[in-house]
Amino acid sequence: MLWNCKNGCVKLENGTMDYVSFGSGGKNLILLPGLSDGLATVKGKALLLAGPYRLFFKEYTVWMFSRRNELKEGVSIRDMAADQAAAMEALGIKKASVCGVSQGGMIAQVLAVDFPEKVEKLILAVTAPSANETARECVEDWIRMAEGGDHKSLMIDTAEKSYSQAKLKSYRKLYPVLGMVGKPKSYERFLANARAILGFDATGDLGKIACPTLILGGEEDKIVGAEASRELHERIPGSRLYLYPGLGHAAYEEAKDFNRRICVFLK
């Protein structure tokens, strides 16, 4: 395969973690997805997920990891970061640049604090240093929807709070079928992920991050708020910040130059 797409599963202590990889460069770039990983993992989706990252393929092998398959109630973001470090160790990834989106950005922060030797550069996208009031309100609403099995409301609320008004004009046409698409057999994994966000607070540790750090956010973010990106910038020494005007939490998906900004930063 031209993109060298691979699907894999790495063994951890008392569990496993699914991942995909693409590209064949000598450097490593790790991608950590957001809360959506609680609804569906990356298992078997290497070819489907590879396209947006092809500009990295010559220099990097790109890895995208899910959380461990055996998520238990009470798991923390710090536990997830430790799992990520263990997965890197098992796969022989000694050091990597790490890009975390939303909840993945929370995991990336702790990974850089607890395992600095493993993180070469850090990209934090539409994420926060703690479960601030905006994030807490969103996540608590989603937990209630998931507990009630209301998949359609969960998907619509997520879309309304993520996308720009321009994007929503076309996306709203899909709302009638959203309740029938992507509904998991159980919300246990989603709920464990969501509750981990509510217990997250890395504000006191961010000064320990010593690697080069790029922070990308949306000025109209309705899930963590633009102020969260500014706070990360203030607390992480030497970090760079860019906020997309007119875009919200889905800036990583809507901004055409999103991956190019990362590519320039990595170089």
C-alpha atoms as a PDB file:
ATOM      1  CA  MET A   1       0.000   0.000   0.000  1.00  0.00           C
ATOM      2  CA  LEU A   2       1.342   3.410  -1.022  1.00  0.00           C
ATOM      3  CA  TRP A   3       0.600   4.955   2.376  1.00  0.00           C
ATOM      4  CA  ASN A   4       1.968   1.945   4.296  1.00  0.00           C
ATOM      5  CA  CYS A   5      -1.230   1.686   6.350  1.00  0.00           C
ATOM      6  CA  LYS A   6      -1.225  -0.775   9.226  1.00  0.00           C
ATOM      7  CA  ASN A   7      -3.760  -1.866  11.838  1.00  0.00           C
ATOM      8  CA  GLY A   8      -2.432  -3.185  15.126  1.00  0.00           C
ATOM      9  CA  CYS A   9      -3.088  -4.054  18.734  1.00  0.00           C
ATOM     10  CA  VAL A  10      -0.426  -3.733  21.418  1.00  0.00           C
ATOM     11  CA  LYS A  11      -0.406  -5.735  24.645  1.00  0.00           C
ATOM     12  CA  LEU A  12      -0.312  -3.820  27.905  1.00  0.00           C
ATOM     13  CA  GLU A  13      -0.275  -5.044  31.461  1.00  0.00           C
ATOM     14  CA  ASN A  14      -3.769  -6.473  32.005  1.00  0.00           C
ATOM     15  CA  GLY A  15      -5.065  -5.304  28.665  1.00  0.00           C
ATOM     16  CA  THR A  16      -4.635  -4.243  25.050  1.00  0.00           C
ATOM     17  CA  MET A  17      -4.689  -1.024  23.023  1.00  0.00           C
ATOM     18  CA  ASP A  18      -5.695  -0.665  19.376  1.00  0.00           C
ATOM     19  CA  TYR A  19      -3.712   1.570  17.045  1.00  0.00           C
ATOM     20  CA  VAL A  20      -3.250   2.381  13.378  1.00  0.00           C
ATOM     21  CA  SER A  21      -0.144   3.661  11.621  1.00  0.00           C
ATOM     22  CA  PHE A  22       0.658   5.148   8.240  1.00  0.00           C
ATOM     23  CA  GLY A  23       3.682   6.591   6.484  1.00  0.00           C
ATOM     24  CA  SER A  24       7.255   5.330   6.524  1.00  0.00           C
ATOM     25  CA  GLY A  25       9.387   8.225   7.756  1.00  0.00           C
ATOM     26  CA  GLY A  26      12.124   7.790  10.326  1.00  0.00           C
ATOM     27  CA  LYS A  27      10.526  10.105  12.888  1.00  0.00           C
ATOM     28  CA  ASN A  28       7.411   9.321  14.915  1.00  0.00           C
ATOM     29  CA  LEU A  29       4.253  11.422  15.240  1.00  0.00           C
ATOM     30  CA  ILE A  30       1.593  10.184  17.659  1.00  0.00           C
ATOM     31  CA  LEU A  31      -2.029  11.330  17.393  1.00  0.00           C
ATOM     32  CA  LEU A  32      -4.368  11.063  20.375  1.00  0.00           C
ATOM     33  CA  PRO A  33      -8.073  11.515  19.531  1.00  0.00           C
ATOM     34  CA  GLY A  34     -10.771  13.078  21.686  1.00  0.00           C
ATOM     35  CA  LEU A  35     -13.795  11.777  23.552  1.00  0.00           C
ATOM     36  CA  SER A  36     -15.254  10.259  20.374  1.00  0.00           C
ATOM     37  CA  ASP A  37     -12.823   7.391  20.997  1.00  0.00           C
ATOM     38  CA  GLY A  38     -15.232   6.350  23.734  1.00  0.00           C
ATOM     39  CA  LEU A  39     -17.851   5.589  21.085  1.00  0.00           C
ATOM     40  CA  ALA A  40     -15.644   3.922  18.474  1.00  0.00           C
ATOM     41  CA  THR A  41     -11.954   3.018  18.532  1.00  0.00           C
ATOM     42  CA  VAL A  42      -9.500   3.205  15.628  1.00  0.00           C
ATOM     43  CA  LYS A  43      -9.507  -0.587  15.235  1.00  0.00           C
ATOM     44  CA  GLY A  44      -9.230  -1.605  11.584  1.00  0.00           C
ATOM     45  CA  LYS A  45      -9.514   1.971  10.262  1.00  0.00           C
ATOM     46  CA  ALA A  46      -5.961   2.699   9.085  1.00  0.00           C
ATOM     47  CA  LEU A  47      -6.861   3.284   5.438  1.00  0.00           C
ATOM     48  CA  LEU A  48      -9.940   5.297   6.369  1.00  0.00           C
ATOM     49  CA  LEU A  49      -8.022   7.613   8.721  1.00  0.00           C
ATOM     50  CA  ALA A  50      -4.760   8.059   6.791  1.00  0.00           C
ATOM     51  CA  GLY A  51      -5.711  10.611   4.127  1.00  0.00           C
ATOM     52  CA  PRO A  52      -5.529  13.912   6.046  1.00  0.00           C
ATOM     53  CA  TYR A  53      -2.004  13.118   7.306  1.00  0.00           C
ATOM     54  CA  ARG A  54      -0.251  12.265   4.046  1.00  0.00           C
ATOM     55  CA  LEU A  55       1.876  15.432   4.101  1.00  0.00           C
ATOM     56  CA  PHE A  56       3.747  13.881   7.068  1.00  0.00           C
ATOM     57  CA  PHE A  57       4.398  10.495   5.463  1.00  0.00           C
ATOM     58  CA  LYS A  58       7.855  11.098   3.989  1.00  0.00           C
ATOM     59  CA  GLU A  59       9.434  12.242   7.234  1.00  0.00           C
ATOM     60  CA  TYR A  60       7.197  10.551   9.792  1.00  0.00           C
ATOM     61  CA  THR A  61       5.555   7.329  10.701  1.00  0.00           C
ATOM     62  CA  VAL A  62       2.204   8.515  12.027  1.00  0.00           C
ATOM     63  CA  TRP A  63       0.550   6.553  14.832  1.00  0.00           C
ATOM     64  CA  MET A  64      -2.998   6.990  16.106  1.00  0.00           C
ATOM     65  CA  PHE A  65      -3.878   5.288  19.377  1.00  0.00           C
ATOM     66  CA  SER A  66      -7.168   4.539  21.091  1.00  0.00           C
ATOM     67  CA  ARG A  67      -7.439   4.231  24.852  1.00  0.00           C
ATOM     68  CA  ARG A  68      -6.993   0.739  26.235  1.00  0.00           C
ATOM     69  CA  ASN A  69      -9.823  -1.682  25.427  1.00  0.00           C
ATOM     70  CA  GLU A  70     -10.406  -2.552  29.078  1.00  0.00           C
ATOM     71  CA  LEU A  71     -11.374   0.875  30.387  1.00  0.00           C
ATOM     72  CA  LYS A  72     -12.807   0.645  33.871  1.00  0.00           C
ATOM     73  CA  GLU A  73     -14.937   3.059  35.851  1.00  0.00           C
ATOM     74  CA  GLY A  74     -12.681   5.414  37.799  1.00  0.00           C
ATOM     75  CA  VAL A  75      -9.894   5.507  35.197  1.00  0.00           C
ATOM     76  CA  SER A  76      -8.051   8.841  35.151  1.00  0.00           C
ATOM     77  CA  ILE A  77      -6.330  10.896  32.472  1.00  0.00           C
ATOM     78  CA  ARG A  78      -3.060  10.105  34.248  1.00  0.00           C
ATOM     79  CA  ASP A  79      -3.821   6.373  33.895  1.00  0.00           C
ATOM     80  CA  MET A  80      -4.405   6.901  30.178  1.00  0.00           C
ATOM     81  CA  ALA A  81      -1.073   8.718  29.823  1.00  0.00           C
ATOM     82  CA  ALA A  82       0.692   5.843  31.584  1.00  0.00           C
ATOM     83  CA  ASP A  83      -0.983   3.401  29.176  1.00  0.00           C
ATOM     84  CA  GLN A  84       0.229   5.497  26.253  1.00  0.00           C
ATOM     85  CA  ALA A  85       3.795   5.456  27.555  1.00  0.00           C
ATOM     86  CA  ALA A  86       3.587   1.678  28.004  1.00  0.00           C
ATOM     87  CA  ALA A  87       2.278   1.248  24.451  1.00  0.00           C
ATOM     88  CA  MET A  88       5.171   3.303  23.075  1.00  0.00           C
ATOM     89  CA  GLU A  89       7.617   1.191  25.046  1.00  0.00           C
ATOM     90  CA  ALA A  90       6.072  -2.045  23.778  1.00  0.00           C
ATOM     91  CA  LEU A  91       6.236  -0.855  20.157  1.00  0.00           C
ATOM     92  CA  GLY A  92       9.813   0.384  20.452  1.00  0.00           C
ATOM     93  CA  ILE A  93       8.870   4.053  20.041  1.00  0.00           C
ATOM     94  CA  LYS A  94      11.533   5.659  22.194  1.00  0.00           C
ATOM     95  CA  LYS A  95      10.549   9.242  21.413  1.00  0.00           C
ATOM     96  CA  ALA A  96       7.835  10.957  19.383  1.00  0.00           C
ATOM     97  CA  SER A  97       6.170  14.241  18.668  1.00  0.00           C
ATOM     98  CA  VAL A  98       2.692  14.020  20.179  1.00  0.00           C
ATOM     99  CA  CYS A  99      -0.480  15.736  18.968  1.00  0.00           C
ATOM    100  CA  GLY A 100      -3.497  15.492  21.253  1.00  0.00           C
ATOM    101  CA  VAL A 101      -6.961  16.744  20.305  1.00  0.00           C
ATOM    102  CA  SER A 102      -9.506  17.677  23.004  1.00  0.00           C
ATOM    103  CA  GLN A 103      -9.391  14.848  25.582  1.00  0.00           C
ATOM    104  CA  GLY A 104      -6.376  13.515  23.691  1.00  0.00           C
ATOM    105  CA  GLY A 105      -4.705  16.842  24.430  1.00  0.00           C
ATOM    106  CA  MET A 106      -5.295  16.301  28.136  1.00  0.00           C
ATOM    107  CA  ILE A 107      -3.597  12.914  27.908  1.00  0.00           C
ATOM    108  CA  ALA A 108      -0.740  14.493  25.930  1.00  0.00           C
ATOM    109  CA  GLN A 109      -0.181  17.116  28.641  1.00  0.00           C
ATOM    110  CA  VAL A 110       0.240  14.459  31.326  1.00  0.00           C
ATOM    111  CA  LEU A 111       2.421  12.330  29.043  1.00  0.00           C
ATOM    112  CA  ALA A 112       4.777  15.292  28.587  1.00  0.00           C
ATOM    113  CA  VAL A 113       4.842  15.919  32.347  1.00  0.00           C
ATOM    114  CA  ASP A 114       5.203  12.331  33.574  1.00  0.00           C
ATOM    115  CA  PHE A 115       7.303  10.931  30.696  1.00  0.00           C
ATOM    116  CA  PRO A 116       9.275  13.903  29.307  1.00  0.00           C
ATOM    117  CA  GLU A 117      11.907  11.634  27.799  1.00  0.00           C
ATOM    118  CA  LYS A 118       9.282  10.234  25.406  1.00  0.00           C
ATOM    119  CA  VAL A 119       7.923  13.538  24.037  1.00  0.00           C
ATOM    120  CA  GLU A 120      10.058  15.431  21.517  1.00  0.00           C
ATOM    121  CA  LYS A 121       7.495  18.092  20.587  1.00  0.00           C
ATOM    122  CA  LEU A 122       3.949  18.673  21.768  1.00  0.00           C
ATOM    123  CA  ILE A 123       0.860  19.878  19.909  1.00  0.00           C
ATOM    124  CA  LEU A 124      -2.238  20.624  22.004  1.00  0.00           C
ATOM    125  CA  ALA A 125      -5.374  21.180  19.944  1.00  0.00           C
ATOM    126  CA  VAL A 126      -8.741  22.492  21.211  1.00  0.00           C
ATOM    127  CA  THR A 127      -7.984  21.255  24.704  1.00  0.00           C
ATOM    128  CA  ALA A 128      -7.791  22.586  28.254  1.00  0.00           C
ATOM    129  CA  PRO A 129      -5.532  22.343  31.312  1.00  0.00           C
ATOM    130  CA  SER A 130      -8.480  21.281  33.479  1.00  0.00           C
ATOM    131  CA  ALA A 131     -12.198  20.552  33.410  1.00  0.00           C
ATOM    132  CA  ASN A 132     -13.195  24.218  33.393  1.00  0.00           C
ATOM    133  CA  GLU A 133     -16.797  25.343  33.821  1.00  0.00           C
ATOM    134  CA  THR A 134     -17.535  25.289  30.071  1.00  0.00           C
ATOM    135  CA  ALA A 135     -16.105  21.799  29.601  1.00  0.00           C
ATOM    136  CA  ARG A 136     -17.741  20.460  32.745  1.00  0.00           C
ATOM    137  CA  GLU A 137     -21.193  21.641  31.673  1.00  0.00           C
ATOM    138  CA  CYS A 138     -20.806  20.027  28.228  1.00  0.00           C
ATOM    139  CA  VAL A 139     -19.485  16.722  29.517  1.00  0.00           C
ATOM    140  CA  GLU A 140     -22.088  16.431  32.262  1.00  0.00           C
ATOM    141  CA  ASP A 141     -24.816  16.954  29.650  1.00  0.00           C
ATOM    142  CA  TRP A 142     -23.292  14.263  27.431  1.00  0.00           C
ATOM    143  CA  ILE A 143     -23.067  11.865  30.354  1.00  0.00           C
ATOM    144  CA  ARG A 144     -26.782  12.303  31.032  1.00  0.00           C
ATOM    145  CA  MET A 145     -27.610  11.696  27.365  1.00  0.00           C
ATOM    146  CA  ALA A 146     -25.431   8.581  27.234  1.00  0.00           C
ATOM    147  CA  GLU A 147     -26.866   7.226  30.469  1.00  0.00           C
ATOM    148  CA  GLY A 148     -30.327   7.651  28.937  1.00  0.00           C
ATOM    149  CA  GLY A 149     -29.288   5.996  25.676  1.00  0.00           C
ATOM    150  CA  ASP A 150     -30.227   9.148  23.737  1.00  0.00           C
ATOM    151  CA  HIS A 151     -27.677   8.796  20.948  1.00  0.00           C
ATOM    152  CA  LYS A 152     -29.355  11.251  18.601  1.00  0.00           C
ATOM    153  CA  SER A 153     -29.317  14.080  21.160  1.00  0.00           C
ATOM    154  CA  LEU A 154     -25.696  13.252  22.028  1.00  0.00           C
ATOM    155  CA  MET A 155     -24.605  13.490  18.383  1.00  0.00           C
ATOM    156  CA  ILE A 156     -26.602  16.648  17.644  1.00  0.00           C
ATOM    157  CA  ASP A 157     -25.420  18.455  20.771  1.00  0.00           C
ATOM    158  CA  THR A 158     -21.815  17.534  19.989  1.00  0.00           C
ATOM    159  CA  ALA A 159     -22.158  18.850  16.437  1.00  0.00           C
ATOM    160  CA  GLU A 160     -23.888  22.079  17.484  1.00  0.00           C
ATOM    161  CA  LYS A 161     -21.114  22.824  19.981  1.00  0.00           C
ATOM    162  CA  SER A 162     -18.256  21.793  17.684  1.00  0.00           C
ATOM    163  CA  TYR A 163     -18.832  23.186  14.206  1.00  0.00           C
ATOM    164  CA  SER A 164     -18.972  26.675  12.764  1.00  0.00           C
ATOM    165  CA  GLN A 165     -22.305  28.033  11.571  1.00  0.00           C
ATOM    166  CA  ALA A 166     -21.150  27.649   7.962  1.00  0.00           C
ATOM    167  CA  LYS A 167     -20.472  23.952   8.475  1.00  0.00           C
ATOM    168  CA  LEU A 168     -23.702  23.395  10.404  1.00  0.00           C
ATOM    169  CA  LYS A 169     -25.813  24.632   7.490  1.00  0.00           C
ATOM    170  CA  SER A 170     -24.951  21.467   5.567  1.00  0.00           C
ATOM    171  CA  TYR A 171     -24.406  19.151   8.537  1.00  0.00           C
ATOM    172  CA  ARG A 172     -27.900  19.730   9.966  1.00  0.00           C
ATOM    173  CA  LYS A 173     -29.353  17.884   6.983  1.00  0.00           C
ATOM    174  CA  LEU A 174     -27.997  14.687   8.558  1.00  0.00           C
ATOM    175  CA  TYR A 175     -29.725  15.159  11.911  1.00  0.00           C
ATOM    176  CA  PRO A 176     -32.759  12.967  11.104  1.00  0.00           C
ATOM    177  CA  VAL A 177     -30.514   9.879  10.737  1.00  0.00           C
ATOM    178  CA  LEU A 178     -27.904  10.606  13.427  1.00  0.00           C
ATOM    179  CA  GLY A 179     -29.694   8.483  16.016  1.00  0.00           C
ATOM    180  CA  MET A 180     -29.323   5.440  13.791  1.00  0.00           C
ATOM    181  CA  VAL A 181     -25.630   5.813  12.955  1.00  0.00           C
ATOM    182  CA  GLY A 182     -22.685   4.887  15.169  1.00  0.00           C
ATOM    183  CA  LYS A 183     -24.643   3.974  18.278  1.00  0.00           C
ATOM    184  CA  PRO A 184     -22.501   1.672  20.457  1.00  0.00           C
ATOM    185  CA  LYS A 185     -23.842  -1.498  22.059  1.00  0.00           C
ATOM    186  CA  SER A 186     -22.882  -0.021  25.410  1.00  0.00           C
ATOM    187  CA  TYR A 187     -21.920   3.461  26.615  1.00  0.00           C
ATOM    188  CA  GLU A 188     -19.651   2.138  29.387  1.00  0.00           C
ATOM    189  CA  ARG A 189     -16.469   3.054  27.521  1.00  0.00           C
ATOM    190  CA  PHE A 190     -17.768   6.507  26.633  1.00  0.00           C
ATOM    191  CA  LEU A 191     -18.842   7.159  30.211  1.00  0.00           C
ATOM    192  CA  ALA A 192     -15.466   6.083  31.638  1.00  0.00           C
ATOM    193  CA  ASN A 193     -13.723   8.468  29.236  1.00  0.00           C
ATOM    194  CA  ALA A 194     -16.128  11.308  29.970  1.00  0.00           C
ATOM    195  CA  ARG A 195     -15.886  10.988  33.746  1.00  0.00           C
ATOM    196  CA  ALA A 196     -12.095  10.999  33.490  1.00  0.00           C
ATOM    197  CA  ILE A 197     -12.353  14.485  31.962  1.00  0.00           C
ATOM    198  CA  LEU A 198     -14.354  15.724  34.956  1.00  0.00           C
ATOM    199  CA  GLY A 199     -11.523  14.686  37.272  1.00  0.00           C
ATOM    200  CA  PHE A 200      -8.738  16.236  35.195  1.00  0.00           C
ATOM    201  CA  ASP A 201      -6.590  19.144  36.385  1.00  0.00           C
ATOM    202  CA  ALA A 202      -3.007  19.589  35.163  1.00  0.00           C
ATOM    203  CA  THR A 203      -2.707  23.324  35.855  1.00  0.00           C
ATOM    204  CA  GLY A 204      -0.143  22.836  38.606  1.00  0.00           C
ATOM    205  CA  ASP A 205       2.077  20.650  36.401  1.00  0.00           C
ATOM    206  CA  LEU A 206       2.190  22.587  33.139  1.00  0.00           C
ATOM    207  CA  GLY A 207       5.290  24.538  34.125  1.00  0.00           C
ATOM    208  CA  LYS A 208       7.192  21.235  34.014  1.00  0.00           C
ATOM    209  CA  ILE A 209       6.652  20.836  30.255  1.00  0.00           C
ATOM    210  CA  ALA A 210      10.020  21.599  28.703  1.00  0.00           C
ATOM    211  CA  CYS A 211       9.602  20.428  25.109  1.00  0.00           C
ATOM    212  CA  PRO A 212       8.611  22.819  22.279  1.00  0.00           C
ATOM    213  CA  THR A 213       4.820  23.183  22.390  1.00  0.00           C
ATOM    214  CA  LEU A 214       2.267  24.445  19.867  1.00  0.00           C
ATOM    215  CA  ILE A 215      -1.257  25.256  21.049  1.00  0.00           C
ATOM    216  CA  LEU A 216      -4.063  25.449  18.490  1.00  0.00           C
ATOM    217  CA  GLY A 217      -7.589  26.508  19.398  1.00  0.00           C
ATOM    218  CA  GLY A 218     -10.785  28.051  18.082  1.00  0.00           C
ATOM    219  CA  GLU A 219     -11.934  31.524  19.059  1.00  0.00           C
ATOM    220  CA  GLU A 220     -15.547  30.263  19.085  1.00  0.00           C
ATOM    221  CA  ASP A 221     -14.932  27.010  21.006  1.00  0.00           C
ATOM    222  CA  LYS A 222     -18.127  26.128  22.911  1.00  0.00           C
ATOM    223  CA  ILE A 223     -16.749  22.958  24.532  1.00  0.00           C
ATOM    224  CA  VAL A 224     -13.556  24.047  26.308  1.00  0.00           C
ATOM    225  CA  GLY A 225     -13.570  27.764  25.442  1.00  0.00           C
ATOM    226  CA  ALA A 226     -10.843  29.832  23.767  1.00  0.00           C
ATOM    227  CA  GLU A 227      -9.627  30.923  27.192  1.00  0.00           C
ATOM    228  CA  ALA A 228      -8.439  27.363  27.813  1.00  0.00           C
ATOM    229  CA  SER A 229      -5.924  27.674  24.964  1.00  0.00           C
ATOM    230  CA  ARG A 230      -4.740  31.013  26.315  1.00  0.00           C
ATOM    231  CA  GLU A 231      -4.276  29.512  29.776  1.00  0.00           C
ATOM    232  CA  LEU A 232      -2.213  26.654  28.366  1.00  0.00           C
ATOM    233  CA  HIS A 233      -0.050  29.206  26.551  1.00  0.00           C
ATOM    234  CA  GLU A 234       0.472  31.229  29.725  1.00  0.00           C
ATOM    235  CA  ARG A 235       1.401  28.196  31.808  1.00  0.00           C
ATOM    236  CA  ILE A 236       3.627  26.235  29.380  1.00  0.00           C
ATOM    237  CA  PRO A 237       7.041  27.941  29.096  1.00  0.00           C
ATOM    238  CA  GLY A 238       7.987  29.060  25.587  1.00  0.00           C
ATOM    239  CA  SER A 239       4.807  27.707  23.991  1.00  0.00           C
ATOM    240  CA  ARG A 240       3.317  29.082  20.780  1.00  0.00           C
ATOM    241  CA  LEU A 241      -0.395  29.851  20.396  1.00  0.00           C
ATOM    242  CA  TYR A 242      -2.675  30.227  17.409  1.00  0.00           C
ATOM    243  CA  LEU A 243      -6.455  30.690  17.668  1.00  0.00           C
ATOM    244  CA  TYR A 244      -8.598  30.256  14.557  1.00  0.00           C
ATOM    245  CA  PRO A 245     -11.057  33.150  14.190  1.00  0.00           C
ATOM    246  CA  GLY A 246     -14.610  32.042  13.435  1.00  0.00           C
ATOM    247  CA  LEU A 247     -13.951  28.386  14.241  1.00  0.00           C
ATOM    248  CA  GLY A 248     -14.805  26.341  17.298  1.00  0.00           C
ATOM    249  CA  HIS A 249     -13.929  22.953  18.754  1.00  0.00           C
ATOM    250  CA  ALA A 250     -13.814  21.296  15.328  1.00  0.00           C
ATOM    251  CA  ALA A 251     -11.083  23.661  14.097  1.00  0.00           C
ATOM    252  CA  TYR A 252      -8.834  20.609  13.615  1.00  0.00           C
ATOM    253  CA  GLU A 253     -11.353  19.353  11.055  1.00  0.00           C
ATOM    254  CA  GLU A 254     -12.539  22.606   9.473  1.00  0.00           C
ATOM    255  CA  ALA A 255      -9.295  24.596   9.163  1.00  0.00           C
ATOM    256  CA  LYS A 256      -7.658  23.746   5.839  1.00  0.00           C
ATOM    257  CA  ASP A 257      -4.201  24.687   7.132  1.00  0.00           C
ATOM    258  CA  PHE A 258      -4.432  22.818  10.435  1.00  0.00           C
ATOM    259  CA  ASN A 259      -2.051  19.959   9.612  1.00  0.00           C
ATOM    260  CA  ARG A 260       0.212  22.283   7.640  1.00  0.00           C
ATOM    261  CA  ARG A 261       0.672  24.456  10.733  1.00  0.00           C
ATOM    262  CA  ILE A 262       1.692  21.356  12.638  1.00  0.00           C
ATOM    263  CA  CYS A 263       4.063  20.329   9.869  1.00  0.00           C
ATOM    264  CA  VAL A 264       5.777  23.728   9.898  1.00  0.00           C
ATOM    265  CA  PHE A 265       6.064  23.603  13.687  1.00  0.00           C
ATOM    266  CA  LEU A 266       7.623  20.142  13.613  1.00  0.00           C
ATOM    267  CA  LYS A 267      10.228  21.275  11.090  1.00  0.00           C
END
